[in-house]
Amino acid sequence: MLRRLACAFLTAALGILVVLLGSDAPVAHAAVDMPFSVQAEKAVLGIAEPRYSFTSAQKVNTLKVLQAFADAIPSLGWTGTDFCKWSSVTCYQSTVILTVSGISVEGTLPDFPDDVDYSNVMITAIYLFDQKSSISGTLPSSWGKLQYLVTLNVGSTSVSGTLPASWGSLQAVTFISLQSTSISGSLPALWSSMSSLATLILYDTQLSGTLPPEWSSMASMNILQLHQNQFTGSFPESWAQMPALRRLSAIANNFCGCVPDSWKRASFRVTVDPKNSAADCATANPCVPTTTTTAAPTTTTTAAPTTTTTAAPTTTTTAAPTTTTTAAPTTTTTAAPTTTTTAAPTTTTTEAPSECEVPHCITCVRGNPTRCDVCSSGYMVTAAQWCMKRPSANWASSPSSTAFNAAASLGVLAAVLLSM
């Protein structure tokens, strides 16, 4: 009898799912942000759903920081104080994730208030990518106070300014992406304090200057993308000391010299311009410091005056003899003016990287134009080393995805019932 009921229930459920999958109607979502399949199983089996939990201090301080986003980006439309119910905010257990991508908003990056206990701000991820025409402003130094921030993606926006040195205090962060923005300036040496940072995406910006040797102490750095910038100088020998570094992309810059021999190991893949990897890179593209030659200061010498005394002739008169003293003319000798010679500025020409046959690929694996090493913005490298468009952040909440998850869930439920 139980098996017949299970079969009947399964048949009816599958019929409903066929209708849902064949229509464009949206599927209702449960209140808690969990996969629909998990929610369905727990609802049918009578298991209570786990909910997020925050202390009063965590609620107050996290709300203050999120309110700064609401003020800087009014089009988010956040109201009330229950931030877990706000759009683009996801609460899970005791963490908060902010995802503003694929929606139409306009504003700037906010500065965070001072009257906040940042040890009780539970924001772990900030996604503001793909907002090229709507999110602007500079990178706030106050973001370095987010003690639990793990992921930060502000790529493909209109943000500008320099990289804040204060971000070196982000001890929990593992991923930072600022690609395809207008940020400028140099790489802060203090970022070497980011002990957990594993992936840093900084390609296609206006960054310049030299690579800081201090970064050699970044023990977790694994992937570093610096291509399509204005970096100069040589490649630091000390970067070979980064134990976890596996990929470094530095093409389309103005580096001089050669890739250090210490970088040439099997586990470390480096992508540079041909001029930096050629056999004659040391002589054809040398790192020569610019020097200025200044002549020694001039000295003016003045001769001391001379005195000539002429005695008067003796006469029969009773008048006293007259003595006349005549000083020799003073001669001034001035050294010729000095000439300062300044070496002409050097001009570095960047060779174009070899052509790739992989669509949406910026750089192919050297010697293999059919395998990609670095994809363009919005695409990711697959296991086969092709470029695949990054999935939308909203796919998981789409009707098709929800219905698919529901089907999987009901399949599991039916299997449980049939086994009884």
Protein backbone atom coordinates (compact mmCIF):
# COMPACT_ATOMS: atom_id res chain seq x y z
CA MET A 1 0.00 0.00 0.00
CA LEU A 2 2.80 2.40 0.92
CA ARG A 3 4.60 1.71 -2.35
CA ARG A 4 1.42 2.49 -4.32
CA LEU A 5 1.05 5.81 -2.50
CA ALA A 6 4.69 6.63 -3.16
CA CYS A 7 4.34 5.88 -6.86
CA ALA A 8 1.18 7.96 -7.10
CA PHE A 9 2.84 10.85 -5.28
CA LEU A 10 5.90 10.65 -7.53
CA THR A 11 3.80 10.57 -10.70
CA ALA A 12 1.83 13.66 -9.63
CA ALA A 13 4.95 15.53 -8.59
CA LEU A 14 6.73 14.82 -11.86
CA GLY A 15 3.70 16.01 -13.78
CA ILE A 16 3.77 19.32 -11.92
CA LEU A 17 7.49 19.69 -12.60
CA VAL A 18 7.02 19.06 -16.32
CA VAL A 19 4.53 21.93 -16.40
CA LEU A 20 6.93 24.20 -14.51
CA LEU A 21 9.90 23.34 -16.70
CA GLY A 22 7.89 23.93 -19.84
CA SER A 23 6.64 27.37 -18.81
CA ASP A 24 8.28 30.73 -18.19
CA ALA A 25 6.39 31.35 -14.96
CA PRO A 26 8.60 32.16 -11.97
CA VAL A 27 8.77 29.71 -9.11
CA ALA A 28 8.13 30.99 -5.60
CA HIS A 29 11.15 31.16 -3.30
CA ALA A 30 11.31 30.31 0.37
CA ALA A 31 12.25 32.98 2.89
CA VAL A 32 15.74 31.64 3.60
CA ASP A 33 18.39 31.76 0.85
CA MET A 34 19.00 28.01 0.51
CA PRO A 35 18.82 25.72 -2.55
CA PHE A 36 15.22 24.80 -3.31
CA SER A 37 16.04 21.09 -3.28
CA VAL A 38 17.25 21.30 0.31
CA GLN A 39 14.22 23.36 1.33
CA ALA A 40 11.81 20.88 -0.27
CA GLU A 41 13.37 17.90 1.45
CA LYS A 42 13.36 19.59 4.85
CA ALA A 43 9.79 20.82 4.45
CA VAL A 44 8.42 17.41 3.46
CA LEU A 45 10.42 15.51 6.07
CA GLY A 46 9.51 18.01 8.78
CA ILE A 47 13.07 19.10 9.57
CA ALA A 48 13.46 22.69 10.84
CA GLU A 49 15.57 24.96 8.62
CA PRO A 50 18.73 26.49 10.11
CA ARG A 51 18.57 30.29 10.13
CA TYR A 52 21.18 33.02 10.35
CA SER A 53 22.06 34.20 13.81
CA PHE A 54 23.69 37.46 14.93
CA THR A 55 24.36 38.98 18.32
CA SER A 56 22.90 42.41 19.03
CA ALA A 57 26.37 43.98 18.67
CA GLN A 58 26.86 42.29 15.29
CA LYS A 59 23.47 43.53 14.07
CA VAL A 60 24.10 47.13 15.14
CA ASN A 61 27.61 47.45 13.72
CA THR A 62 26.97 45.54 10.50
CA LEU A 63 23.89 47.69 9.89
CA LYS A 64 25.98 50.89 10.19
CA VAL A 65 28.37 49.74 7.47
CA LEU A 66 25.59 48.52 5.16
CA GLN A 67 23.76 51.81 5.71
CA ALA A 68 26.84 53.56 4.28
CA PHE A 69 26.28 51.59 1.06
CA ALA A 70 22.59 52.55 1.10
CA ASP A 71 23.50 56.24 1.39
CA ALA A 72 26.16 56.10 -1.35
CA ILE A 73 24.02 54.00 -3.72
CA PRO A 74 20.41 55.19 -3.15
CA SER A 75 19.08 53.13 -6.04
CA LEU A 76 19.55 50.00 -3.91
CA GLY A 77 16.28 51.02 -2.26
CA TRP A 78 17.07 49.59 1.16
CA THR A 79 14.66 50.48 3.97
CA GLY A 80 14.17 49.29 7.52
CA THR A 81 16.78 47.74 9.80
CA ASP A 82 16.49 44.03 8.99
CA PHE A 83 19.34 43.96 6.46
CA CYS A 84 18.95 40.23 5.86
CA LYS A 85 15.70 41.03 4.02
CA TRP A 86 17.31 43.62 1.75
CA SER A 87 17.83 42.88 -1.93
CA SER A 88 21.45 42.07 -2.87
CA VAL A 89 22.19 41.07 0.76
CA THR A 90 22.56 37.42 1.73
CA CYS A 91 22.81 36.28 5.35
CA TYR A 92 24.09 32.83 6.15
CA GLN A 93 24.75 31.69 9.71
CA SER A 94 26.72 34.67 11.09
CA THR A 95 28.04 36.11 7.81
CA VAL A 96 26.80 38.74 5.37
CA ILE A 97 27.44 38.83 1.60
CA LEU A 98 26.76 41.91 -0.55
CA THR A 99 26.21 41.16 -4.26
CA VAL A 100 25.46 44.08 -6.58
CA SER A 101 25.89 42.68 -10.08
CA GLY A 102 23.60 42.40 -13.06
CA ILE A 103 21.20 45.01 -11.69
CA SER A 104 20.84 48.68 -12.55
CA VAL A 105 22.22 50.88 -9.77
CA GLU A 106 24.14 54.14 -9.63
CA GLY A 107 26.40 55.58 -6.95
CA THR A 108 29.87 55.64 -5.44
CA LEU A 109 31.98 53.52 -3.12
CA PRO A 110 31.17 54.63 0.44
CA ASP A 111 33.51 55.63 3.24
CA PHE A 112 32.68 53.74 6.42
CA PRO A 113 31.82 55.60 9.66
CA ASP A 114 34.24 55.88 12.58
CA ASP A 115 31.73 55.04 15.33
CA VAL A 116 31.76 51.33 14.47
CA ASP A 117 33.18 48.32 16.29
CA TYR A 118 34.64 46.54 13.26
CA SER A 119 35.21 43.36 15.24
CA ASN A 120 31.41 42.99 15.05
CA VAL A 121 30.99 43.81 11.34
CA MET A 122 30.20 40.43 9.77
CA ILE A 123 30.58 41.28 6.06
CA THR A 124 32.67 38.55 4.40
CA ALA A 125 32.20 39.32 0.69
CA ILE A 126 31.55 42.40 -1.46
CA TYR A 127 30.67 41.93 -5.14
CA LEU A 128 30.25 45.17 -7.11
CA PHE A 129 31.59 44.02 -10.48
CA ASP A 130 30.27 44.70 -14.00
CA GLN A 131 28.90 48.15 -13.11
CA LYS A 132 31.10 50.08 -15.57
CA SER A 133 28.79 53.03 -16.09
CA SER A 134 27.16 53.28 -12.69
CA ILE A 135 29.62 52.64 -9.83
CA SER A 136 32.39 55.24 -9.48
CA GLY A 137 34.49 57.00 -6.86
CA THR A 138 37.85 56.17 -5.28
CA LEU A 139 38.85 53.13 -3.26
CA PRO A 140 38.10 54.06 0.40
CA SER A 141 40.92 53.53 2.87
CA SER A 142 38.33 52.72 5.57
CA TRP A 143 37.59 49.39 3.88
CA GLY A 144 40.84 48.16 5.41
CA LYS A 145 38.95 47.89 8.72
CA LEU A 146 36.76 44.96 7.58
CA GLN A 147 38.30 42.21 9.72
CA TYR A 148 36.26 39.34 8.25
CA LEU A 149 36.32 40.35 4.57
CA VAL A 150 37.37 37.36 2.45
CA THR A 151 36.36 38.33 -1.10
CA LEU A 152 36.35 41.77 -2.77
CA ASN A 153 35.41 42.22 -6.43
CA VAL A 154 35.07 45.76 -7.78
CA GLY A 155 36.24 44.87 -11.29
CA SER A 156 34.79 46.40 -14.47
CA THR A 157 33.55 49.54 -12.73
CA SER A 158 34.44 53.23 -13.09
CA VAL A 159 36.32 53.47 -9.79
CA SER A 160 39.58 55.43 -9.80
CA GLY A 161 42.25 56.69 -7.42
CA THR A 162 45.14 54.77 -5.91
CA LEU A 163 45.43 51.50 -4.02
CA PRO A 164 45.03 52.34 -0.29
CA ALA A 165 48.03 51.26 1.77
CA SER A 166 45.61 50.70 4.69
CA TRP A 167 44.19 47.65 2.90
CA GLY A 168 47.33 45.87 4.05
CA SER A 169 45.40 45.32 7.30
CA LEU A 170 42.95 42.95 5.58
CA GLN A 171 44.24 39.76 7.18
CA ALA A 172 41.33 37.50 6.16
CA VAL A 173 41.03 38.52 2.49
CA THR A 174 41.94 35.82 -0.04
CA PHE A 175 40.63 37.33 -3.31
CA ILE A 176 40.78 40.90 -4.68
CA SER A 177 39.75 41.87 -8.22
CA LEU A 178 40.08 45.44 -9.50
CA GLN A 179 40.57 44.74 -13.21
CA SER A 180 39.31 47.01 -15.99
CA THR A 181 39.08 50.10 -13.78
CA SER A 182 40.76 53.53 -13.79
CA ILE A 183 42.89 53.01 -10.69
CA SER A 184 46.42 54.42 -10.91
CA GLY A 185 49.58 54.85 -8.89
CA SER A 186 51.94 52.14 -7.67
CA LEU A 187 51.62 48.84 -5.81
CA PRO A 188 51.75 49.58 -2.04
CA ALA A 189 54.63 47.88 -0.26
CA LEU A 190 52.38 47.54 2.82
CA TRP A 191 50.14 45.10 0.96
CA SER A 192 52.82 42.54 1.73
CA SER A 193 51.06 42.24 5.13
CA MET A 194 48.07 40.49 3.50
CA SER A 195 49.07 37.06 4.74
CA SER A 196 45.98 35.27 3.33
CA LEU A 197 45.75 36.94 -0.10
CA ALA A 198 45.92 34.20 -2.75
CA THR A 199 44.50 35.81 -5.91
CA LEU A 200 45.05 39.41 -7.02
CA ILE A 201 43.54 40.56 -10.35
CA LEU A 202 44.85 43.98 -11.45
CA TYR A 203 44.99 43.81 -15.25
CA ASP A 204 43.80 46.54 -17.64
CA THR A 205 44.23 49.53 -15.30
CA GLN A 206 46.51 52.60 -15.17
CA LEU A 207 48.85 51.26 -12.49
CA SER A 208 52.53 52.15 -12.91
CA GLY A 209 55.84 52.16 -11.06
CA THR A 210 58.03 49.20 -10.16
CA LEU A 211 57.21 45.87 -8.55
CA PRO A 212 57.83 46.13 -4.78
CA PRO A 213 60.45 43.64 -3.50
CA GLU A 214 58.58 43.61 -0.16
CA TRP A 215 55.84 41.47 -1.71
CA SER A 216 58.19 38.49 -1.56
CA SER A 217 56.85 37.87 1.98
CA MET A 218 53.28 37.16 0.73
CA ALA A 219 53.14 33.50 1.72
CA SER A 220 49.69 32.73 0.24
CA MET A 221 49.92 34.54 -3.11
CA ASN A 222 49.05 32.05 -5.85
CA ILE A 223 47.74 33.95 -8.90
CA LEU A 224 48.88 37.48 -9.77
CA GLN A 225 47.59 39.19 -12.94
CA LEU A 226 49.36 42.48 -13.75
CA HIS A 227 49.11 42.58 -17.55
CA GLN A 228 48.01 45.60 -19.62
CA ASN A 229 49.36 48.26 -17.26
CA GLN A 230 52.24 50.75 -17.23
CA PHE A 231 54.71 49.03 -14.92
CA THR A 232 58.43 49.67 -15.43
CA GLY A 233 61.76 48.52 -14.02
CA SER A 234 63.06 45.00 -13.57
CA PHE A 235 61.53 41.81 -12.21
CA PRO A 236 62.48 41.44 -8.50
CA GLU A 237 64.67 38.42 -7.80
CA SER A 238 63.09 38.22 -4.34
CA TRP A 239 59.65 37.33 -5.73
CA ALA A 240 60.97 33.81 -6.26
CA GLN A 241 60.67 33.48 -2.47
CA MET A 242 56.85 33.50 -2.62
CA PRO A 243 56.26 29.78 -1.91
CA ALA A 244 52.70 29.55 -3.25
CA LEU A 245 53.04 31.71 -6.40
CA ARG A 246 52.08 29.65 -9.45
CA ARG A 247 50.96 32.12 -12.11
CA LEU A 248 52.15 35.64 -12.94
CA SER A 249 50.92 37.51 -16.01
CA ALA A 250 52.93 40.65 -16.82
CA ILE A 251 52.59 41.19 -20.58
CA ALA A 252 51.85 44.59 -22.15
CA ASN A 253 53.94 46.59 -19.67
CA ASN A 254 57.29 48.41 -19.94
CA PHE A 255 59.56 46.08 -18.00
CA CYS A 256 63.26 46.01 -18.83
CA GLY A 257 65.81 43.23 -18.62
CA CYS A 258 65.08 39.52 -18.36
CA VAL A 259 63.00 37.16 -16.27
CA PRO A 260 65.29 36.18 -13.35
CA ASP A 261 66.74 32.68 -13.40
CA SER A 262 65.31 32.15 -9.91
CA TRP A 263 61.80 32.41 -11.42
CA LYS A 264 62.42 29.61 -13.88
CA ARG A 265 60.94 26.61 -12.12
CA ALA A 266 58.41 24.07 -13.30
CA SER A 267 55.72 25.06 -10.79
CA PHE A 268 55.85 28.77 -11.69
CA ARG A 269 54.23 29.90 -14.97
CA VAL A 270 55.26 33.42 -16.00
CA THR A 271 53.77 35.27 -18.98
CA VAL A 272 55.87 38.24 -20.16
CA ASP A 273 56.55 40.15 -23.37
CA PRO A 274 58.93 38.45 -25.85
CA LYS A 275 61.56 41.14 -25.25
CA ASN A 276 61.83 39.99 -21.61
CA SER A 277 62.25 36.31 -22.46
CA ALA A 278 64.44 36.52 -25.58
CA ALA A 279 67.98 35.16 -25.52
CA ASP A 280 69.40 38.68 -25.90
CA CYS A 281 67.03 40.35 -23.41
CA ALA A 282 69.92 41.54 -21.21
CA THR A 283 71.57 43.48 -24.06
CA ALA A 284 68.63 44.31 -26.32
CA ASN A 285 66.42 45.50 -23.45
CA PRO A 286 68.84 46.47 -20.65
CA CYS A 287 67.86 48.11 -17.38
CA VAL A 288 70.08 51.22 -17.45
CA PRO A 289 69.59 53.85 -14.74
CA THR A 290 69.37 57.43 -15.98
CA THR A 291 72.32 59.56 -14.73
CA THR A 292 72.90 63.34 -14.68
CA THR A 293 76.45 64.80 -14.94
CA THR A 294 77.07 68.19 -13.30
CA ALA A 295 80.36 70.16 -13.68
CA ALA A 296 82.27 71.25 -10.59
CA PRO A 297 81.43 74.75 -9.24
CA THR A 298 83.46 77.71 -10.62
CA THR A 299 86.00 79.70 -8.54
CA THR A 300 86.78 83.43 -8.98
CA THR A 301 90.33 84.51 -8.05
CA THR A 302 91.30 88.20 -7.47
CA ALA A 303 94.98 89.13 -7.39
CA ALA A 304 96.24 91.14 -4.40
CA PRO A 305 97.11 94.81 -5.17
CA THR A 306 100.82 95.78 -5.53
CA THR A 307 102.43 99.06 -4.28
CA THR A 308 105.26 101.03 -6.03
CA THR A 309 107.14 103.73 -4.08
CA THR A 310 109.12 106.46 -5.94
CA ALA A 311 111.47 108.72 -4.01
CA ALA A 312 111.47 112.44 -4.87
CA PRO A 313 114.75 113.93 -6.23
CA THR A 314 116.90 116.10 -3.88
CA THR A 315 116.59 119.88 -4.45
CA THR A 316 118.03 123.03 -2.92
CA THR A 317 114.73 124.13 -1.67
CA THR A 318 113.65 123.71 1.93
CA ALA A 319 110.39 122.04 1.03
CA ALA A 320 109.89 118.47 2.23
CA PRO A 321 110.12 115.80 -0.44
CA THR A 322 106.83 114.51 -1.89
CA THR A 323 106.13 110.77 -1.88
CA THR A 324 103.65 109.33 -4.40
CA THR A 325 102.29 105.79 -4.05
CA THR A 326 100.64 104.21 -7.06
CA ALA A 327 98.68 100.90 -6.71
CA ALA A 328 98.77 98.42 -9.54
CA PRO A 329 95.45 97.80 -11.29
CA THR A 330 93.35 94.89 -9.97
CA THR A 331 92.86 91.96 -12.33
CA THR A 332 89.82 89.57 -11.96
CA THR A 333 89.96 86.11 -13.53
CA THR A 334 86.63 84.23 -14.00
CA ALA A 335 86.47 80.57 -15.00
CA ALA A 336 84.44 79.69 -18.07
CA PRO A 337 80.76 78.69 -17.41
CA THR A 338 80.07 75.01 -16.85
CA THR A 339 77.82 72.84 -19.01
CA THR A 340 75.33 70.28 -17.55
CA THR A 341 74.59 67.26 -19.73
CA THR A 342 71.43 65.18 -19.12
CA ALA A 343 71.03 61.79 -20.73
CA ALA A 344 68.13 61.53 -23.14
CA PRO A 345 65.14 59.53 -21.79
CA THR A 346 64.99 55.93 -22.83
CA THR A 347 62.12 54.66 -24.93
CA THR A 348 60.73 51.20 -24.33
CA THR A 349 58.79 49.48 -27.05
CA THR A 350 56.41 46.69 -26.12
CA GLU A 351 56.14 43.94 -28.65
CA ALA A 352 52.72 42.60 -29.41
CA PRO A 353 52.05 39.19 -27.89
CA SER A 354 51.65 36.27 -30.24
CA GLU A 355 48.19 35.76 -31.76
CA CYS A 356 45.78 33.35 -30.11
CA GLU A 357 43.21 31.15 -31.79
CA VAL A 358 41.07 30.85 -28.65
CA PRO A 359 38.06 33.23 -28.71
CA HIS A 360 38.00 35.86 -25.91
CA CYS A 361 41.59 34.99 -24.94
CA ILE A 362 44.12 37.71 -24.09
CA THR A 363 47.16 35.44 -23.84
CA CYS A 364 47.60 31.89 -25.06
CA VAL A 365 50.05 29.40 -23.60
CA ARG A 366 53.43 30.12 -25.11
CA GLY A 367 53.99 27.98 -28.20
CA ASN A 368 50.37 26.74 -28.24
CA PRO A 369 47.83 29.17 -29.76
CA THR A 370 44.95 26.76 -29.08
CA ARG A 371 45.26 26.87 -25.25
CA CYS A 372 44.47 30.02 -23.27
CA ASP A 373 46.38 31.29 -20.25
CA VAL A 374 44.54 34.59 -19.57
CA CYS A 375 40.95 35.31 -20.68
CA SER A 376 39.39 38.73 -21.22
CA SER A 377 37.06 40.39 -18.71
CA GLY A 378 33.86 38.44 -18.12
CA TYR A 379 35.38 35.09 -19.13
CA MET A 380 37.19 32.39 -17.18
CA VAL A 381 39.79 29.76 -18.15
CA THR A 382 38.33 26.25 -18.31
CA ALA A 383 40.11 23.01 -17.48
CA ALA A 384 40.72 22.56 -21.22
CA GLN A 385 42.23 26.07 -21.24
CA TRP A 386 39.47 27.68 -23.32
CA CYS A 387 37.59 30.85 -22.35
CA MET A 388 34.08 30.37 -20.95
CA LYS A 389 31.74 33.22 -20.06
CA ARG A 390 31.37 33.54 -16.30
CA PRO A 391 27.92 32.35 -15.15
CA SER A 392 25.48 35.01 -14.04
CA ALA A 393 25.23 35.59 -10.29
CA ASN A 394 21.43 35.29 -10.62
CA TRP A 395 21.39 31.89 -12.37
CA ALA A 396 20.81 30.04 -9.16
CA SER A 397 17.57 31.93 -8.58
CA SER A 398 16.23 31.55 -12.14
CA PRO A 399 13.01 29.55 -12.74
CA SER A 400 14.84 26.85 -14.70
CA SER A 401 17.46 26.40 -12.04
CA THR A 402 14.86 26.33 -9.29
CA ALA A 403 12.72 23.78 -11.09
CA PHE A 404 15.74 21.64 -11.82
CA ASN A 405 16.70 21.64 -8.15
CA ALA A 406 13.13 20.81 -7.20
CA ALA A 407 13.16 17.84 -9.56
CA ALA A 408 16.36 16.55 -8.05
CA SER A 409 14.93 17.00 -4.56
CA LEU A 410 11.72 15.14 -5.31
CA GLY A 411 13.72 12.35 -6.89
CA VAL A 412 15.61 11.93 -3.64
CA LEU A 413 12.37 12.05 -1.65
CA ALA A 414 10.74 9.43 -3.83
CA ALA A 415 13.71 7.15 -3.44
CA VAL A 416 13.38 7.45 0.33
CA LEU A 417 9.66 6.62 0.25
CA LEU A 418 10.10 3.67 -2.10
CA SER A 419 12.75 2.17 0.14
CA MET A 420 10.36 2.07 3.15
